[in-house]
Amino acid sequence: MNWLKLESLDQVKEIKEKSKEKAVLIFKHSTSCSISRTALDRLERNWKPDEMSAVDSFYLDLLKYREISNQIAREFSVEHQSPQVLLIENGKAVYDQSHFDINYADLYSASRKKE
């Protein structure tokens, strides 16, 4: 996967705006958590770039940027989880899952609902 790093609060606003043109995925990862590592590995192993070319993917290191995670929770009206994946479209979270419920097939289906 080609992750874009999410490292500033300003990027949250940019993601919200960008999502009006193109779907945006946010993966919130705790680098010290084995469940988070497993969820990330499963997502990366199953990711099909040709299927998800219409989605920009952002990676957030929760241990370094907890304030950004809190802003994401507020901005998109989701409860903070770790690990957590959100799909943002038209400025809103249209899909979010955490822990072992993070699943490529479901994420792919969610990204296709507007087509």
N, C-alpha and C. Protein backbone atom coordinates (compact mmCIF):
# COMPACT_ATOMS: atom_id res chain seq x y z
N MET A 1 0.83 -1.19 0.00
CA MET A 1 0.00 0.00 0.00
C MET A 1 0.87 1.24 0.00
N ASN A 2 0.34 2.27 -0.55
CA ASN A 2 1.04 3.54 -0.60
C ASN A 2 0.41 4.48 0.44
N TRP A 3 0.90 4.40 1.68
CA TRP A 3 0.33 5.20 2.77
C TRP A 3 0.82 6.64 2.70
N LEU A 4 -0.10 7.56 2.93
CA LEU A 4 0.24 8.96 3.16
C LEU A 4 0.24 9.14 4.67
N LYS A 5 1.25 9.79 5.20
CA LYS A 5 1.34 9.96 6.65
C LYS A 5 0.44 11.10 7.11
N LEU A 6 -0.31 10.82 8.16
CA LEU A 6 -1.18 11.82 8.77
C LEU A 6 -0.47 12.30 10.03
N GLU A 7 0.06 13.54 9.96
CA GLU A 7 0.92 14.04 11.03
C GLU A 7 0.58 15.45 11.50
N SER A 8 -0.53 16.03 11.00
CA SER A 8 -0.88 17.37 11.46
C SER A 8 -2.40 17.53 11.53
N LEU A 9 -2.82 18.39 12.43
CA LEU A 9 -4.25 18.67 12.57
C LEU A 9 -4.83 19.28 11.29
N ASP A 10 -4.04 20.08 10.59
CA ASP A 10 -4.50 20.69 9.35
C ASP A 10 -4.87 19.64 8.31
N GLN A 11 -4.20 18.50 8.33
CA GLN A 11 -4.50 17.45 7.37
C GLN A 11 -5.91 16.89 7.55
N VAL A 12 -6.43 16.93 8.77
CA VAL A 12 -7.79 16.43 9.00
C VAL A 12 -8.78 17.28 8.20
N LYS A 13 -8.61 18.58 8.22
CA LYS A 13 -9.47 19.46 7.43
C LYS A 13 -9.27 19.22 5.93
N GLU A 14 -8.02 19.00 5.53
CA GLU A 14 -7.72 18.73 4.12
C GLU A 14 -8.37 17.42 3.67
N ILE A 15 -8.34 16.41 4.54
CA ILE A 15 -8.96 15.12 4.23
C ILE A 15 -10.46 15.30 4.04
N LYS A 16 -11.06 16.07 4.92
CA LYS A 16 -12.50 16.31 4.82
C LYS A 16 -12.84 16.95 3.48
N GLU A 17 -12.05 17.94 3.06
CA GLU A 17 -12.29 18.59 1.77
C GLU A 17 -11.98 17.65 0.61
N LYS A 18 -10.87 16.94 0.68
CA LYS A 18 -10.48 16.01 -0.37
C LYS A 18 -11.54 14.94 -0.59
N SER A 19 -12.21 14.54 0.50
CA SER A 19 -13.20 13.46 0.42
C SER A 19 -14.43 13.85 -0.39
N LYS A 20 -14.56 15.12 -0.71
CA LYS A 20 -15.66 15.57 -1.56
C LYS A 20 -15.38 15.25 -3.02
N GLU A 21 -14.11 14.98 -3.33
CA GLU A 21 -13.69 14.64 -4.70
C GLU A 21 -13.33 13.15 -4.82
N LYS A 22 -12.78 12.61 -3.74
CA LYS A 22 -12.23 11.25 -3.78
C LYS A 22 -12.34 10.65 -2.38
N ALA A 23 -12.69 9.36 -2.29
CA ALA A 23 -12.78 8.70 -0.99
C ALA A 23 -11.41 8.68 -0.31
N VAL A 24 -11.44 8.78 1.01
CA VAL A 24 -10.21 8.79 1.81
C VAL A 24 -10.32 7.74 2.92
N LEU A 25 -9.28 6.94 3.05
CA LEU A 25 -9.19 5.95 4.11
C LEU A 25 -8.22 6.47 5.17
N ILE A 26 -8.60 6.33 6.43
CA ILE A 26 -7.69 6.63 7.54
C ILE A 26 -7.52 5.35 8.34
N PHE A 27 -6.27 4.94 8.53
CA PHE A 27 -5.98 3.81 9.41
C PHE A 27 -5.26 4.35 10.64
N LYS A 28 -5.90 4.19 11.80
CA LYS A 28 -5.32 4.64 13.06
C LYS A 28 -4.65 3.44 13.71
N HIS A 29 -3.34 3.53 13.87
CA HIS A 29 -2.51 2.40 14.29
C HIS A 29 -1.76 2.70 15.57
N SER A 30 -1.85 1.76 16.51
CA SER A 30 -1.02 1.84 17.72
C SER A 30 0.19 0.94 17.51
N THR A 31 1.35 1.55 17.41
CA THR A 31 2.57 0.82 17.09
C THR A 31 3.01 -0.13 18.19
N SER A 32 2.42 -0.04 19.37
CA SER A 32 2.80 -0.94 20.46
C SER A 32 1.78 -2.06 20.69
N CYS A 33 0.77 -2.16 19.84
CA CYS A 33 -0.32 -3.11 20.04
C CYS A 33 -0.27 -4.23 18.99
N SER A 34 -0.23 -5.47 19.45
CA SER A 34 -0.16 -6.60 18.52
C SER A 34 -1.45 -6.76 17.71
N ILE A 35 -2.59 -6.42 18.29
CA ILE A 35 -3.85 -6.50 17.55
C ILE A 35 -3.83 -5.47 16.41
N SER A 36 -3.34 -4.29 16.70
CA SER A 36 -3.25 -3.25 15.69
C SER A 36 -2.31 -3.69 14.56
N ARG A 37 -1.20 -4.28 14.91
CA ARG A 37 -0.23 -4.76 13.91
C ARG A 37 -0.86 -5.83 13.03
N THR A 38 -1.60 -6.74 13.65
CA THR A 38 -2.26 -7.81 12.91
C THR A 38 -3.31 -7.25 11.96
N ALA A 39 -4.11 -6.31 12.43
CA ALA A 39 -5.14 -5.70 11.58
C ALA A 39 -4.50 -4.97 10.40
N LEU A 40 -3.43 -4.25 10.66
CA LEU A 40 -2.72 -3.54 9.58
C LEU A 40 -2.14 -4.53 8.58
N ASP A 41 -1.50 -5.59 9.07
CA ASP A 41 -0.91 -6.60 8.17
C ASP A 41 -1.98 -7.25 7.30
N ARG A 42 -3.12 -7.59 7.90
CA ARG A 42 -4.20 -8.22 7.13
C ARG A 42 -4.71 -7.28 6.05
N LEU A 43 -4.89 -6.02 6.40
CA LEU A 43 -5.36 -5.05 5.41
C LEU A 43 -4.36 -4.90 4.28
N GLU A 44 -3.10 -4.77 4.61
CA GLU A 44 -2.07 -4.60 3.57
C GLU A 44 -1.92 -5.84 2.70
N ARG A 45 -2.03 -7.03 3.27
CA ARG A 45 -1.92 -8.27 2.50
C ARG A 45 -3.06 -8.41 1.50
N ASN A 46 -4.24 -7.96 1.87
CA ASN A 46 -5.43 -8.14 1.03
C ASN A 46 -5.70 -6.97 0.09
N TRP A 47 -5.02 -5.86 0.31
CA TRP A 47 -5.25 -4.65 -0.48
C TRP A 47 -4.96 -4.90 -1.96
N LYS A 48 -5.88 -4.49 -2.82
CA LYS A 48 -5.72 -4.62 -4.26
C LYS A 48 -5.70 -3.21 -4.86
N PRO A 49 -4.52 -2.74 -5.22
CA PRO A 49 -4.40 -1.36 -5.71
C PRO A 49 -5.32 -1.03 -6.88
N ASP A 50 -5.54 -1.99 -7.77
CA ASP A 50 -6.41 -1.73 -8.92
C ASP A 50 -7.86 -1.53 -8.49
N GLU A 51 -8.30 -2.24 -7.45
CA GLU A 51 -9.66 -2.08 -6.95
C GLU A 51 -9.84 -0.79 -6.15
N MET A 52 -8.78 -0.37 -5.48
CA MET A 52 -8.89 0.76 -4.56
C MET A 52 -8.17 2.01 -5.08
N SER A 53 -8.01 2.10 -6.38
CA SER A 53 -7.30 3.25 -6.95
C SER A 53 -8.03 4.57 -6.72
N ALA A 54 -9.33 4.50 -6.44
CA ALA A 54 -10.11 5.72 -6.21
C ALA A 54 -10.10 6.15 -4.74
N VAL A 55 -9.23 5.53 -3.94
CA VAL A 55 -9.18 5.83 -2.50
C VAL A 55 -7.76 6.27 -2.13
N ASP A 56 -7.63 7.41 -1.47
CA ASP A 56 -6.34 7.83 -0.90
C ASP A 56 -6.27 7.27 0.52
N SER A 57 -5.11 6.72 0.89
CA SER A 57 -4.97 6.05 2.18
C SER A 57 -4.00 6.78 3.09
N PHE A 58 -4.48 7.12 4.28
CA PHE A 58 -3.68 7.81 5.28
C PHE A 58 -3.44 6.91 6.48
N TYR A 59 -2.22 6.98 6.99
CA TYR A 59 -1.78 6.19 8.14
C TYR A 59 -1.48 7.15 9.30
N LEU A 60 -2.09 6.86 10.45
CA LEU A 60 -1.87 7.69 11.64
C LEU A 60 -1.23 6.85 12.73
N ASP A 61 -0.07 7.26 13.20
CA ASP A 61 0.60 6.65 14.34
C ASP A 61 0.01 7.27 15.60
N LEU A 62 -0.82 6.49 16.29
CA LEU A 62 -1.54 7.02 17.45
C LEU A 62 -0.63 7.42 18.60
N LEU A 63 0.46 6.71 18.76
CA LEU A 63 1.33 7.03 19.89
C LEU A 63 2.01 8.38 19.72
N LYS A 64 2.30 8.74 18.49
CA LYS A 64 2.93 10.04 18.23
C LYS A 64 1.90 11.16 18.10
N TYR A 65 0.71 10.83 17.62
CA TYR A 65 -0.25 11.88 17.23
C TYR A 65 -1.64 11.62 17.81
N ARG A 66 -1.72 11.41 19.10
CA ARG A 66 -3.02 11.14 19.74
C ARG A 66 -3.97 12.33 19.56
N GLU A 67 -3.45 13.54 19.58
CA GLU A 67 -4.29 14.73 19.40
C GLU A 67 -5.02 14.70 18.05
N ILE A 68 -4.35 14.19 17.03
CA ILE A 68 -4.98 14.08 15.71
C ILE A 68 -6.10 13.05 15.74
N SER A 69 -5.86 11.94 16.43
CA SER A 69 -6.89 10.91 16.57
C SER A 69 -8.13 11.48 17.27
N ASN A 70 -7.90 12.26 18.31
CA ASN A 70 -9.03 12.89 19.01
C ASN A 70 -9.79 13.83 18.09
N GLN A 71 -9.07 14.56 17.26
CA GLN A 71 -9.71 15.47 16.30
C GLN A 71 -10.52 14.69 15.27
N ILE A 72 -10.00 13.58 14.81
CA ILE A 72 -10.73 12.73 13.87
C ILE A 72 -12.04 12.27 14.49
N ALA A 73 -11.99 11.84 15.75
CA ALA A 73 -13.20 11.39 16.44
C ALA A 73 -14.25 12.51 16.48
N ARG A 74 -13.80 13.71 16.80
CA ARG A 74 -14.73 14.85 16.86
C ARG A 74 -15.24 15.24 15.47
N GLU A 75 -14.33 15.36 14.54
CA GLU A 75 -14.66 15.85 13.20
C GLU A 75 -15.62 14.91 12.46
N PHE A 76 -15.45 13.59 12.66
CA PHE A 76 -16.24 12.63 11.90
C PHE A 76 -17.26 11.88 12.77
N SER A 77 -17.43 12.34 14.01
CA SER A 77 -18.45 11.78 14.92
C SER A 77 -18.33 10.27 15.09
N VAL A 78 -17.12 9.82 15.38
CA VAL A 78 -16.88 8.41 15.66
C VAL A 78 -16.17 8.28 17.00
N GLU A 79 -16.42 7.19 17.68
CA GLU A 79 -15.73 6.92 18.93
C GLU A 79 -14.30 6.49 18.63
N HIS A 80 -13.34 7.01 19.37
CA HIS A 80 -11.95 6.63 19.19
C HIS A 80 -11.77 5.14 19.48
N GLN A 81 -11.11 4.46 18.57
CA GLN A 81 -10.73 3.06 18.74
C GLN A 81 -9.29 2.90 18.25
N SER A 82 -8.69 1.79 18.63
CA SER A 82 -7.34 1.50 18.15
C SER A 82 -7.15 -0.02 18.12
N PRO A 83 -6.86 -0.54 16.96
CA PRO A 83 -6.78 0.10 15.65
C PRO A 83 -8.18 0.45 15.15
N GLN A 84 -8.19 1.34 14.19
CA GLN A 84 -9.47 1.76 13.61
C GLN A 84 -9.26 2.19 12.17
N VAL A 85 -10.23 1.86 11.33
CA VAL A 85 -10.20 2.30 9.95
C VAL A 85 -11.48 3.09 9.68
N LEU A 86 -11.33 4.20 8.98
CA LEU A 86 -12.47 5.02 8.59
C LEU A 86 -12.41 5.28 7.10
N LEU A 87 -13.56 5.25 6.47
CA LEU A 87 -13.67 5.64 5.07
C LEU A 87 -14.47 6.94 5.05
N ILE A 88 -13.86 7.98 4.50
CA ILE A 88 -14.47 9.32 4.49
C ILE A 88 -14.89 9.64 3.06
N GLU A 89 -16.16 10.01 2.91
CA GLU A 89 -16.69 10.45 1.62
C GLU A 89 -17.58 11.65 1.85
N ASN A 90 -17.45 12.66 1.01
CA ASN A 90 -18.26 13.87 1.11
C ASN A 90 -18.22 14.48 2.51
N GLY A 91 -17.05 14.43 3.14
CA GLY A 91 -16.86 15.06 4.44
C GLY A 91 -17.39 14.27 5.63
N LYS A 92 -17.84 13.03 5.40
CA LYS A 92 -18.41 12.23 6.49
C LYS A 92 -17.82 10.83 6.51
N ALA A 93 -17.77 10.25 7.69
CA ALA A 93 -17.35 8.86 7.83
C ALA A 93 -18.51 7.97 7.39
N VAL A 94 -18.32 7.24 6.30
CA VAL A 94 -19.37 6.37 5.79
C VAL A 94 -19.14 4.92 6.22
N TYR A 95 -17.97 4.67 6.79
CA TYR A 95 -17.62 3.32 7.25
C TYR A 95 -16.56 3.45 8.32
N ASP A 96 -16.72 2.75 9.42
CA ASP A 96 -15.63 2.67 10.40
C ASP A 96 -15.73 1.34 11.12
N GLN A 97 -14.57 0.76 11.34
CA GLN A 97 -14.46 -0.52 12.05
C GLN A 97 -13.19 -0.49 12.87
N SER A 98 -13.14 -1.38 13.85
CA SER A 98 -11.95 -1.45 14.69
C SER A 98 -11.57 -2.90 14.97
N HIS A 99 -10.38 -3.05 15.47
CA HIS A 99 -9.83 -4.34 15.87
C HIS A 99 -9.95 -5.37 14.75
N PHE A 100 -10.43 -6.58 15.07
CA PHE A 100 -10.49 -7.63 14.06
C PHE A 100 -11.70 -7.52 13.13
N ASP A 101 -12.51 -6.48 13.31
CA ASP A 101 -13.59 -6.21 12.37
C ASP A 101 -13.09 -5.43 11.15
N ILE A 102 -11.83 -5.03 11.15
CA ILE A 102 -11.24 -4.37 9.99
C ILE A 102 -11.04 -5.44 8.92
N ASN A 103 -11.72 -5.25 7.80
CA ASN A 103 -11.79 -6.29 6.78
C ASN A 103 -11.74 -5.63 5.40
N TYR A 104 -10.82 -6.08 4.56
CA TYR A 104 -10.67 -5.48 3.24
C TYR A 104 -11.94 -5.60 2.40
N ALA A 105 -12.55 -6.78 2.39
CA ALA A 105 -13.73 -7.00 1.55
C ALA A 105 -14.86 -6.04 1.93
N ASP A 106 -15.08 -5.85 3.23
CA ASP A 106 -16.12 -4.92 3.67
C ASP A 106 -15.76 -3.48 3.33
N LEU A 107 -14.51 -3.14 3.49
CA LEU A 107 -14.05 -1.80 3.15
C LEU A 107 -14.21 -1.54 1.65
N TYR A 108 -13.85 -2.52 0.85
CA TYR A 108 -14.01 -2.40 -0.60
C TYR A 108 -15.49 -2.19 -0.95
N SER A 109 -16.37 -3.00 -0.35
CA SER A 109 -17.81 -2.85 -0.61
C SER A 109 -18.29 -1.46 -0.22
N ALA A 110 -17.86 -0.97 0.92
CA ALA A 110 -18.27 0.36 1.38
C ALA A 110 -17.79 1.44 0.41
N SER A 111 -16.61 1.25 -0.16
CA SER A 111 -16.08 2.26 -1.08
C SER A 111 -16.82 2.27 -2.42
N ARG A 112 -17.58 1.23 -2.70
CA ARG A 112 -18.30 1.11 -3.97
C ARG A 112 -19.77 1.48 -3.87
N LYS A 113 -20.26 1.78 -2.69
CA LYS A 113 -21.70 2.02 -2.49
C LYS A 113 -22.22 3.21 -3.28
N LYS A 114 -21.40 4.21 -3.52
CA LYS A 114 -21.90 5.38 -4.22
C LYS A 114 -21.87 5.23 -5.73
N GLU A 115 -21.25 4.16 -6.20
CA GLU A 115 -21.17 3.95 -7.66
C GLU A 115 -22.45 3.35 -8.22
